[in-house]
Amino acid sequence: MRIRTGYAITFDSPAPTPMLLMLSVHPSRLGDCVTSPALRFDPPIPSRDYADRYGNTCTRILAPAGRLTISADFLIDDDGRPDEFAPDAVQHPVQDLPDDVMVYLLGSRYCDTDKLSNTAWQLFGSTPEGWARVQTIVDYVHNHIRFDYQRADSTRSALDGFNQREGVCRDFAHLAITFCRCMNIPARYCTGYLGDIGVPAVPDPMDFSAWFEVYLSGRWYTFDARHNRPRIGRILMARGRDATDVAISTIFGPSLLAGFQVHTDEVV
């Protein structure tokens, strides 16, 4: 399968403003790119990339005063297979987990495990460990939160999402991740492209998507609490503890978002 994807994001800044961007394709998918996924800037400005502690590509820029458009448009090949289904995948005892996985058991900015631990054990403590427990968590979150694009809130934590019962894809992911961590299942946040490929199109504006991965049977598996079905055509951009680690833009000064478009379509 070949997918055409990209974005155009425009900022208006009253003065030169430092920005940290996470808009690159994840290094693990660069080999699948048919055309260049490089960030483009209008007007042209210098940029510098570095790899963060989670292996993501981060881009540093100094946005000029006035209008700046950041964009990309590229082709990428995908195997076209849906998210893997592994019902026999097992949960590891905490003492047997690899050192680099342990961070994904801890609370983080949006995954307030300390406030949801008792709730998690009440809801899921009697479920079978491993894949079945994660799927039970995903089913619960999928049914508990109502998706509403207009109700996005950049300050909403997992506890907030649990109580408010509304949000966008990141809120589904944060609550499911938090419940998994409370149950001693390592879970990490993912962001990237996910178009309406192989499923009926929805009327919501196209945006970047959020899902999560859990560590079972010695590897990471993909889950998606918003859609709660295997999907095809995911294009990973970044992974981290939660949305803080993978924010598409972190802006160190006043700047107004003046335009935002994302596209992801199968090339037929």
C-alpha atoms as a PDB file:
ATOM      1  CA  MET A   1       0.000   0.000   0.000  1.00  0.00           C
ATOM      2  CA  ARG A   2       1.185   3.524  -0.781  1.00  0.00           C
ATOM      3  CA  ILE A   3      -0.016   6.508   1.251  1.00  0.00           C
ATOM      4  CA  ARG A   4       0.266  10.205   0.555  1.00  0.00           C
ATOM      5  CA  THR A   5       0.421  12.209   3.747  1.00  0.00           C
ATOM      6  CA  GLY A   6       1.589  15.491   5.204  1.00  0.00           C
ATOM      7  CA  TYR A   7       0.475  18.740   6.775  1.00  0.00           C
ATOM      8  CA  ALA A   8       0.593  22.532   6.579  1.00  0.00           C
ATOM      9  CA  ILE A   9       0.736  24.440   9.867  1.00  0.00           C
ATOM     10  CA  THR A  10       0.916  28.229  10.028  1.00  0.00           C
ATOM     11  CA  PHE A  11       1.958  30.432  12.946  1.00  0.00           C
ATOM     12  CA  ASP A  12       1.808  34.202  13.345  1.00  0.00           C
ATOM     13  CA  SER A  13       4.437  35.523  15.779  1.00  0.00           C
ATOM     14  CA  PRO A  14       4.842  39.162  16.914  1.00  0.00           C
ATOM     15  CA  ALA A  15       8.582  38.662  17.444  1.00  0.00           C
ATOM     16  CA  PRO A  16      11.238  36.002  16.722  1.00  0.00           C
ATOM     17  CA  THR A  17      10.095  32.957  18.716  1.00  0.00           C
ATOM     18  CA  PRO A  18      11.990  29.728  19.509  1.00  0.00           C
ATOM     19  CA  MET A  19      10.025  26.570  18.734  1.00  0.00           C
ATOM     20  CA  LEU A  20      10.580  22.857  19.263  1.00  0.00           C
ATOM     21  CA  LEU A  21       8.818  20.724  16.662  1.00  0.00           C
ATOM     22  CA  MET A  22       8.050  17.001  16.534  1.00  0.00           C
ATOM     23  CA  LEU A  23       6.694  16.757  13.018  1.00  0.00           C
ATOM     24  CA  SER A  24       9.139  14.296  11.471  1.00  0.00           C
ATOM     25  CA  VAL A  25       8.350  10.709  10.584  1.00  0.00           C
ATOM     26  CA  HIS A  26       9.737   8.386  13.262  1.00  0.00           C
ATOM     27  CA  PRO A  27      13.188   7.028  12.307  1.00  0.00           C
ATOM     28  CA  SER A  28      11.761   3.494  12.244  1.00  0.00           C
ATOM     29  CA  ARG A  29       9.612   4.456   9.238  1.00  0.00           C
ATOM     30  CA  LEU A  30      12.115   6.480   7.222  1.00  0.00           C
ATOM     31  CA  GLY A  31      13.044   3.442   5.134  1.00  0.00           C
ATOM     32  CA  ASP A  32       9.437   3.241   3.937  1.00  0.00           C
ATOM     33  CA  CYS A  33       9.390   6.810   2.582  1.00  0.00           C
ATOM     34  CA  VAL A  34       9.211   6.955  -1.213  1.00  0.00           C
ATOM     35  CA  THR A  35       9.682  10.731  -1.365  1.00  0.00           C
ATOM     36  CA  SER A  36      11.309  13.070   1.119  1.00  0.00           C
ATOM     37  CA  PRO A  37       9.358  13.718   4.333  1.00  0.00           C
ATOM     38  CA  ALA A  38      11.551  16.718   5.179  1.00  0.00           C
ATOM     39  CA  LEU A  39      10.004  19.731   6.861  1.00  0.00           C
ATOM     40  CA  ARG A  40       9.645  22.780   4.624  1.00  0.00           C
ATOM     41  CA  PHE A  41       9.518  26.360   5.866  1.00  0.00           C
ATOM     42  CA  ASP A  42       7.950  29.374   4.167  1.00  0.00           C
ATOM     43  CA  PRO A  43       9.770  31.703   4.365  1.00  0.00           C
ATOM     44  CA  PRO A  44      12.928  29.542   4.408  1.00  0.00           C
ATOM     45  CA  ILE A  45      14.665  29.491   7.803  1.00  0.00           C
ATOM     46  CA  PRO A  46      17.466  27.426   9.383  1.00  0.00           C
ATOM     47  CA  SER A  47      16.534  24.342  11.420  1.00  0.00           C
ATOM     48  CA  ARG A  48      18.409  21.733  13.410  1.00  0.00           C
ATOM     49  CA  ASP A  49      17.376  18.169  14.296  1.00  0.00           C
ATOM     50  CA  TYR A  50      18.337  16.043  17.286  1.00  0.00           C
ATOM     51  CA  ALA A  51      17.183  12.728  18.762  1.00  0.00           C
ATOM     52  CA  ASP A  52      15.489  12.828  22.163  1.00  0.00           C
ATOM     53  CA  ARG A  53      15.746  10.177  24.881  1.00  0.00           C
ATOM     54  CA  TYR A  54      12.867   8.197  23.348  1.00  0.00           C
ATOM     55  CA  GLY A  55      14.400   8.022  19.867  1.00  0.00           C
ATOM     56  CA  ASN A  56      12.167  10.669  18.303  1.00  0.00           C
ATOM     57  CA  THR A  57      13.384  13.322  15.880  1.00  0.00           C
ATOM     58  CA  CYS A  58      13.016  16.844  17.281  1.00  0.00           C
ATOM     59  CA  THR A  59      13.479  20.006  15.223  1.00  0.00           C
ATOM     60  CA  ARG A  60      14.619  23.337  16.659  1.00  0.00           C
ATOM     61  CA  ILE A  61      13.820  26.596  14.892  1.00  0.00           C
ATOM     62  CA  LEU A  62      13.631  30.306  15.556  1.00  0.00           C
ATOM     63  CA  ALA A  63      10.377  31.382  13.945  1.00  0.00           C
ATOM     64  CA  PRO A  64      10.676  34.865  12.463  1.00  0.00           C
ATOM     65  CA  ALA A  65       8.336  37.716  13.319  1.00  0.00           C
ATOM     66  CA  GLY A  66       5.273  37.515  11.107  1.00  0.00           C
ATOM     67  CA  ARG A  67       3.836  34.453   9.379  1.00  0.00           C
ATOM     68  CA  LEU A  68       5.597  31.096   9.112  1.00  0.00           C
ATOM     69  CA  THR A  69       4.178  28.016   7.408  1.00  0.00           C
ATOM     70  CA  ILE A  70       5.664  24.599   8.190  1.00  0.00           C
ATOM     71  CA  SER A  71       4.700  21.817   5.815  1.00  0.00           C
ATOM     72  CA  ALA A  72       5.469  18.391   4.428  1.00  0.00           C
ATOM     73  CA  ASP A  73       3.938  16.297   1.658  1.00  0.00           C
ATOM     74  CA  PHE A  74       5.319  12.860   0.873  1.00  0.00           C
ATOM     75  CA  LEU A  75       4.637   9.293  -0.196  1.00  0.00           C
ATOM     76  CA  ILE A  76       5.249   6.340   2.112  1.00  0.00           C
ATOM     77  CA  ASP A  77       4.824   2.603   1.636  1.00  0.00           C
ATOM     78  CA  ASP A  78       2.951   0.546   4.212  1.00  0.00           C
ATOM     79  CA  ASP A  79       2.489  -3.203   4.503  1.00  0.00           C
ATOM     80  CA  GLY A  80      -1.285  -2.721   4.634  1.00  0.00           C
ATOM     81  CA  ARG A  81      -1.676  -5.147   7.501  1.00  0.00           C
ATOM     82  CA  PRO A  82      -3.993  -4.292  10.414  1.00  0.00           C
ATOM     83  CA  ASP A  83      -2.711  -3.874  13.959  1.00  0.00           C
ATOM     84  CA  GLU A  84      -1.447  -7.203  15.250  1.00  0.00           C
ATOM     85  CA  PHE A  85      -3.794  -9.380  17.307  1.00  0.00           C
ATOM     86  CA  ALA A  86      -1.980 -11.578  19.854  1.00  0.00           C
ATOM     87  CA  PRO A  87      -4.459 -12.879  22.440  1.00  0.00           C
ATOM     88  CA  ASP A  88      -1.860 -15.190  23.994  1.00  0.00           C
ATOM     89  CA  ALA A  89       0.592 -12.352  24.788  1.00  0.00           C
ATOM     90  CA  VAL A  90       1.468 -12.453  28.476  1.00  0.00           C
ATOM     91  CA  GLN A  91       2.120  -9.861  31.130  1.00  0.00           C
ATOM     92  CA  HIS A  92       5.572  -9.807  32.747  1.00  0.00           C
ATOM     93  CA  PRO A  93       6.143  -9.624  36.498  1.00  0.00           C
ATOM     94  CA  VAL A  94       7.528  -6.175  37.264  1.00  0.00           C
ATOM     95  CA  GLN A  95      10.812  -7.622  38.536  1.00  0.00           C
ATOM     96  CA  ASP A  96      11.401  -9.235  35.126  1.00  0.00           C
ATOM     97  CA  LEU A  97      10.869  -6.130  32.999  1.00  0.00           C
ATOM     98  CA  PRO A  98      13.833  -4.631  31.104  1.00  0.00           C
ATOM     99  CA  ASP A  99      15.292  -1.494  32.655  1.00  0.00           C
ATOM    100  CA  ASP A 100      14.361   0.729  29.720  1.00  0.00           C
ATOM    101  CA  VAL A 101      10.704  -0.298  29.995  1.00  0.00           C
ATOM    102  CA  MET A 102      10.284   0.670  33.652  1.00  0.00           C
ATOM    103  CA  VAL A 103       9.687   4.354  32.906  1.00  0.00           C
ATOM    104  CA  TYR A 104       6.424   3.369  31.208  1.00  0.00           C
ATOM    105  CA  LEU A 105       5.026   2.106  34.511  1.00  0.00           C
ATOM    106  CA  LEU A 106       5.420   5.488  36.197  1.00  0.00           C
ATOM    107  CA  GLY A 107       2.971   8.360  36.434  1.00  0.00           C
ATOM    108  CA  SER A 108       3.522  11.323  34.115  1.00  0.00           C
ATOM    109  CA  ARG A 109       2.075  14.750  33.355  1.00  0.00           C
ATOM    110  CA  TYR A 110      -1.188  13.505  31.833  1.00  0.00           C
ATOM    111  CA  CYS A 111      -1.196   9.956  33.224  1.00  0.00           C
ATOM    112  CA  ASP A 112      -1.927  10.521  36.913  1.00  0.00           C
ATOM    113  CA  THR A 113      -1.631   6.931  38.112  1.00  0.00           C
ATOM    114  CA  ASP A 114      -1.676   7.919  41.782  1.00  0.00           C
ATOM    115  CA  LYS A 115      -5.227   9.239  41.419  1.00  0.00           C
ATOM    116  CA  LEU A 116      -6.609   6.302  39.433  1.00  0.00           C
ATOM    117  CA  SER A 117      -4.849   3.288  40.930  1.00  0.00           C
ATOM    118  CA  ASN A 118      -7.677   2.260  43.269  1.00  0.00           C
ATOM    119  CA  THR A 119     -10.240   2.733  40.513  1.00  0.00           C
ATOM    120  CA  ALA A 120      -8.168   0.638  38.114  1.00  0.00           C
ATOM    121  CA  TRP A 121      -7.877  -2.273  40.525  1.00  0.00           C
ATOM    122  CA  GLN A 122     -11.598  -2.125  41.306  1.00  0.00           C
ATOM    123  CA  LEU A 123     -12.466  -2.192  37.611  1.00  0.00           C
ATOM    124  CA  PHE A 124      -9.859  -4.609  36.262  1.00  0.00           C
ATOM    125  CA  GLY A 125      -8.386  -6.511  39.207  1.00  0.00           C
ATOM    126  CA  SER A 126     -10.417  -9.629  38.492  1.00  0.00           C
ATOM    127  CA  THR A 127      -9.681  -9.768  34.763  1.00  0.00           C
ATOM    128  CA  PRO A 128      -7.148 -12.233  33.299  1.00  0.00           C
ATOM    129  CA  GLU A 129      -3.633 -10.833  33.029  1.00  0.00           C
ATOM    130  CA  GLY A 130      -1.987 -10.103  29.713  1.00  0.00           C
ATOM    131  CA  TRP A 131      -3.707  -9.310  26.418  1.00  0.00           C
ATOM    132  CA  ALA A 132      -7.207  -9.924  27.795  1.00  0.00           C
ATOM    133  CA  ARG A 133      -6.697  -7.372  30.560  1.00  0.00           C
ATOM    134  CA  VAL A 134      -5.438  -4.719  28.153  1.00  0.00           C
ATOM    135  CA  GLN A 135      -8.364  -5.339  25.799  1.00  0.00           C
ATOM    136  CA  THR A 136     -10.789  -5.057  28.719  1.00  0.00           C
ATOM    137  CA  ILE A 137      -9.237  -1.685  29.575  1.00  0.00           C
ATOM    138  CA  VAL A 138      -9.499  -0.550  25.955  1.00  0.00           C
ATOM    139  CA  ASP A 139     -13.155  -1.635  25.769  1.00  0.00           C
ATOM    140  CA  TYR A 140     -13.930   0.267  28.964  1.00  0.00           C
ATOM    141  CA  VAL A 141     -12.219   3.481  27.879  1.00  0.00           C
ATOM    142  CA  HIS A 142     -13.749   3.299  24.397  1.00  0.00           C
ATOM    143  CA  ASN A 143     -17.235   3.155  25.918  1.00  0.00           C
ATOM    144  CA  HIS A 144     -16.553   5.534  28.808  1.00  0.00           C
ATOM    145  CA  ILE A 145     -15.363   8.586  26.835  1.00  0.00           C
ATOM    146  CA  ARG A 146     -17.426  10.326  24.167  1.00  0.00           C
ATOM    147  CA  PHE A 147     -15.348  11.616  21.264  1.00  0.00           C
ATOM    148  CA  ASP A 148     -15.928  15.300  20.549  1.00  0.00           C
ATOM    149  CA  TYR A 149     -13.424  17.204  18.412  1.00  0.00           C
ATOM    150  CA  GLN A 150     -14.803  20.487  19.714  1.00  0.00           C
ATOM    151  CA  ARG A 151     -14.064  19.506  23.316  1.00  0.00           C
ATOM    152  CA  ALA A 152     -10.288  19.200  22.977  1.00  0.00           C
ATOM    153  CA  ASP A 153      -8.469  20.492  26.078  1.00  0.00           C
ATOM    154  CA  SER A 154      -4.685  20.580  26.228  1.00  0.00           C
ATOM    155  CA  THR A 155      -4.750  20.501  30.047  1.00  0.00           C
ATOM    156  CA  ARG A 156      -7.042  17.451  30.426  1.00  0.00           C
ATOM    157  CA  SER A 157      -5.392  14.624  32.383  1.00  0.00           C
ATOM    158  CA  ALA A 158      -6.436  10.982  32.522  1.00  0.00           C
ATOM    159  CA  LEU A 159      -8.386  11.667  35.719  1.00  0.00           C
ATOM    160  CA  ASP A 160     -10.109  14.610  34.065  1.00  0.00           C
ATOM    161  CA  GLY A 161     -11.028  12.458  31.095  1.00  0.00           C
ATOM    162  CA  PHE A 162     -12.365   9.765  33.412  1.00  0.00           C
ATOM    163  CA  ASN A 163     -14.550  12.281  35.241  1.00  0.00           C
ATOM    164  CA  GLN A 164     -15.623  14.423  32.274  1.00  0.00           C
ATOM    165  CA  ARG A 165     -16.238  11.454  29.960  1.00  0.00           C
ATOM    166  CA  GLU A 166     -15.482  13.431  26.808  1.00  0.00           C
ATOM    167  CA  GLY A 167     -12.436  14.297  24.747  1.00  0.00           C
ATOM    168  CA  VAL A 168     -10.356  13.522  21.681  1.00  0.00           C
ATOM    169  CA  CYS A 169      -8.029  10.665  20.748  1.00  0.00           C
ATOM    170  CA  ARG A 170      -5.268  11.779  23.155  1.00  0.00           C
ATOM    171  CA  ASP A 171      -7.727  11.576  26.068  1.00  0.00           C
ATOM    172  CA  PHE A 172      -8.675   8.009  25.172  1.00  0.00           C
ATOM    173  CA  ALA A 173      -4.977   7.128  25.019  1.00  0.00           C
ATOM    174  CA  HIS A 174      -4.082   8.848  28.291  1.00  0.00           C
ATOM    175  CA  LEU A 175      -6.818   7.109  30.260  1.00  0.00           C
ATOM    176  CA  ALA A 176      -6.040   3.675  28.799  1.00  0.00           C
ATOM    177  CA  ILE A 177      -2.294   4.152  29.393  1.00  0.00           C
ATOM    178  CA  THR A 178      -2.933   5.207  32.977  1.00  0.00           C
ATOM    179  CA  PHE A 179      -5.132   2.198  33.704  1.00  0.00           C
ATOM    180  CA  CYS A 180      -2.522  -0.131  32.167  1.00  0.00           C
ATOM    181  CA  ARG A 181       0.267   1.354  34.272  1.00  0.00           C
ATOM    182  CA  CYS A 182      -1.890   1.077  37.385  1.00  0.00           C
ATOM    183  CA  MET A 183      -2.213  -2.642  36.588  1.00  0.00           C
ATOM    184  CA  ASN A 184       1.609  -2.972  36.205  1.00  0.00           C
ATOM    185  CA  ILE A 185       1.477  -3.142  32.407  1.00  0.00           C
ATOM    186  CA  PRO A 186       4.021  -0.836  30.733  1.00  0.00           C
ATOM    187  CA  ALA A 187       2.289   1.517  28.300  1.00  0.00           C
ATOM    188  CA  ARG A 188       3.569   4.356  26.127  1.00  0.00           C
ATOM    189  CA  TYR A 189       1.903   7.106  24.112  1.00  0.00           C
ATOM    190  CA  CYS A 190       2.169   7.316  20.305  1.00  0.00           C
ATOM    191  CA  THR A 191       1.303  10.025  17.844  1.00  0.00           C
ATOM    192  CA  GLY A 192       1.248   9.975  14.072  1.00  0.00           C
ATOM    193  CA  TYR A 193      -0.900   9.835  10.963  1.00  0.00           C
ATOM    194  CA  LEU A 194      -3.987   7.628  10.743  1.00  0.00           C
ATOM    195  CA  GLY A 195      -6.266   8.277   7.797  1.00  0.00           C
ATOM    196  CA  ASP A 196      -9.645   6.762   7.050  1.00  0.00           C
ATOM    197  CA  ILE A 197      -8.093   3.907   5.103  1.00  0.00           C
ATOM    198  CA  GLY A 198     -10.055   0.667   5.030  1.00  0.00           C
ATOM    199  CA  VAL A 199     -12.849   2.175   7.119  1.00  0.00           C
ATOM    200  CA  PRO A 200     -15.791   4.496   6.361  1.00  0.00           C
ATOM    201  CA  ALA A 201     -14.750   8.157   6.273  1.00  0.00           C
ATOM    202  CA  VAL A 202     -15.802  10.355   9.183  1.00  0.00           C
ATOM    203  CA  PRO A 203     -16.796  14.041   8.915  1.00  0.00           C
ATOM    204  CA  ASP A 204     -14.344  15.267  11.588  1.00  0.00           C
ATOM    205  CA  PRO A 205     -11.443  17.447  10.399  1.00  0.00           C
ATOM    206  CA  MET A 206      -8.302  15.441   9.660  1.00  0.00           C
ATOM    207  CA  ASP A 207      -5.757  15.683  12.465  1.00  0.00           C
ATOM    208  CA  PHE A 208      -2.782  13.811  13.787  1.00  0.00           C
ATOM    209  CA  SER A 209      -3.866  10.773  15.775  1.00  0.00           C
ATOM    210  CA  ALA A 210      -2.950   9.304  19.151  1.00  0.00           C
ATOM    211  CA  TRP A 211      -2.818   5.650  20.150  1.00  0.00           C
ATOM    212  CA  PHE A 212      -0.677   3.624  22.559  1.00  0.00           C
ATOM    213  CA  GLU A 213       1.535   0.583  22.872  1.00  0.00           C
ATOM    214  CA  VAL A 214       1.821  -1.955  25.686  1.00  0.00           C
ATOM    215  CA  TYR A 215       4.697  -4.255  26.567  1.00  0.00           C
ATOM    216  CA  LEU A 216       3.648  -7.923  26.595  1.00  0.00           C
ATOM    217  CA  SER A 217       5.587 -11.115  25.835  1.00  0.00           C
ATOM    218  CA  GLY A 218       8.838  -9.206  25.419  1.00  0.00           C
ATOM    219  CA  ARG A 219       7.690  -6.697  22.789  1.00  0.00           C
ATOM    220  CA  TRP A 220       5.395  -3.738  22.152  1.00  0.00           C
ATOM    221  CA  TYR A 221       1.857  -4.088  20.745  1.00  0.00           C
ATOM    222  CA  THR A 222      -0.431  -1.375  19.367  1.00  0.00           C
ATOM    223  CA  PHE A 223      -3.827  -0.575  20.900  1.00  0.00           C
ATOM    224  CA  ASP A 224      -6.265   2.213  20.077  1.00  0.00           C
ATOM    225  CA  ALA A 225      -8.900   3.058  22.670  1.00  0.00           C
ATOM    226  CA  ARG A 226     -10.664   5.605  20.499  1.00  0.00           C
ATOM    227  CA  HIS A 227     -11.316   3.356  17.500  1.00  0.00           C
ATOM    228  CA  ASN A 228     -11.086  -0.009  19.316  1.00  0.00           C
ATOM    229  CA  ARG A 229     -10.544  -1.988  16.139  1.00  0.00           C
ATOM    230  CA  PRO A 230      -7.445  -3.065  14.202  1.00  0.00           C
ATOM    231  CA  ARG A 231      -6.518  -0.319  11.740  1.00  0.00           C
ATOM    232  CA  ILE A 232      -4.226  -0.151   8.746  1.00  0.00           C
ATOM    233  CA  GLY A 233      -1.938   2.643   7.611  1.00  0.00           C
ATOM    234  CA  ARG A 234      -0.610   3.983  10.903  1.00  0.00           C
ATOM    235  CA  ILE A 235       2.453   6.180  10.324  1.00  0.00           C
ATOM    236  CA  LEU A 236       4.346   6.745  13.540  1.00  0.00           C
ATOM    237  CA  MET A 237       5.858  10.134  14.289  1.00  0.00           C
ATOM    238  CA  ALA A 238       6.833   9.910  17.965  1.00  0.00           C
ATOM    239  CA  ARG A 239       6.547   7.918  21.188  1.00  0.00           C
ATOM    240  CA  GLY A 240       6.808   8.974  24.821  1.00  0.00           C
ATOM    241  CA  ARG A 241       5.318   8.814  28.279  1.00  0.00           C
ATOM    242  CA  ASP A 242       2.332  10.958  27.281  1.00  0.00           C
ATOM    243  CA  ALA A 243       1.427  13.910  25.044  1.00  0.00           C
ATOM    244  CA  THR A 244       3.984  16.145  26.773  1.00  0.00           C
ATOM    245  CA  ASP A 245       6.846  14.143  25.284  1.00  0.00           C
ATOM    246  CA  VAL A 246       5.481  14.196  21.737  1.00  0.00           C
ATOM    247  CA  ALA A 247       3.865  17.636  21.366  1.00  0.00           C
ATOM    248  CA  ILE A 248       3.954  18.604  17.688  1.00  0.00           C
ATOM    249  CA  SER A 249       5.007  22.125  18.695  1.00  0.00           C
ATOM    250  CA  THR A 250       6.331  23.619  21.904  1.00  0.00           C
ATOM    251  CA  ILE A 251       6.506  27.390  21.609  1.00  0.00           C
ATOM    252  CA  PHE A 252       8.701  29.542  23.816  1.00  0.00           C
ATOM    253  CA  GLY A 253       6.919  32.858  23.396  1.00  0.00           C
ATOM    254  CA  PRO A 254       3.710  34.407  22.020  1.00  0.00           C
ATOM    255  CA  SER A 255       2.513  32.892  18.754  1.00  0.00           C
ATOM    256  CA  LEU A 256      -0.911  32.368  17.183  1.00  0.00           C
ATOM    257  CA  LEU A 257      -1.904  29.232  15.298  1.00  0.00           C
ATOM    258  CA  ALA A 258      -3.234  30.670  12.034  1.00  0.00           C
ATOM    259  CA  GLY A 259      -3.690  27.511   9.962  1.00  0.00           C
ATOM    260  CA  PHE A 260      -3.731  23.733  10.457  1.00  0.00           C
ATOM    261  CA  GLN A 261      -4.265  21.048   7.830  1.00  0.00           C
ATOM    262  CA  VAL A 262      -3.365  17.343   7.801  1.00  0.00           C
ATOM    263  CA  HIS A 263      -3.927  14.875   4.980  1.00  0.00           C
ATOM    264  CA  THR A 264      -3.519  11.097   4.827  1.00  0.00           C
ATOM    265  CA  ASP A 265      -4.886   9.204   1.841  1.00  0.00           C
ATOM    266  CA  GLU A 266      -4.223   5.897   0.140  1.00  0.00           C
ATOM    267  CA  VAL A 267      -2.773   6.275  -3.338  1.00  0.00           C
ATOM    268  CA  VAL A 268      -4.928   4.143  -5.600  1.00  0.00           C
END
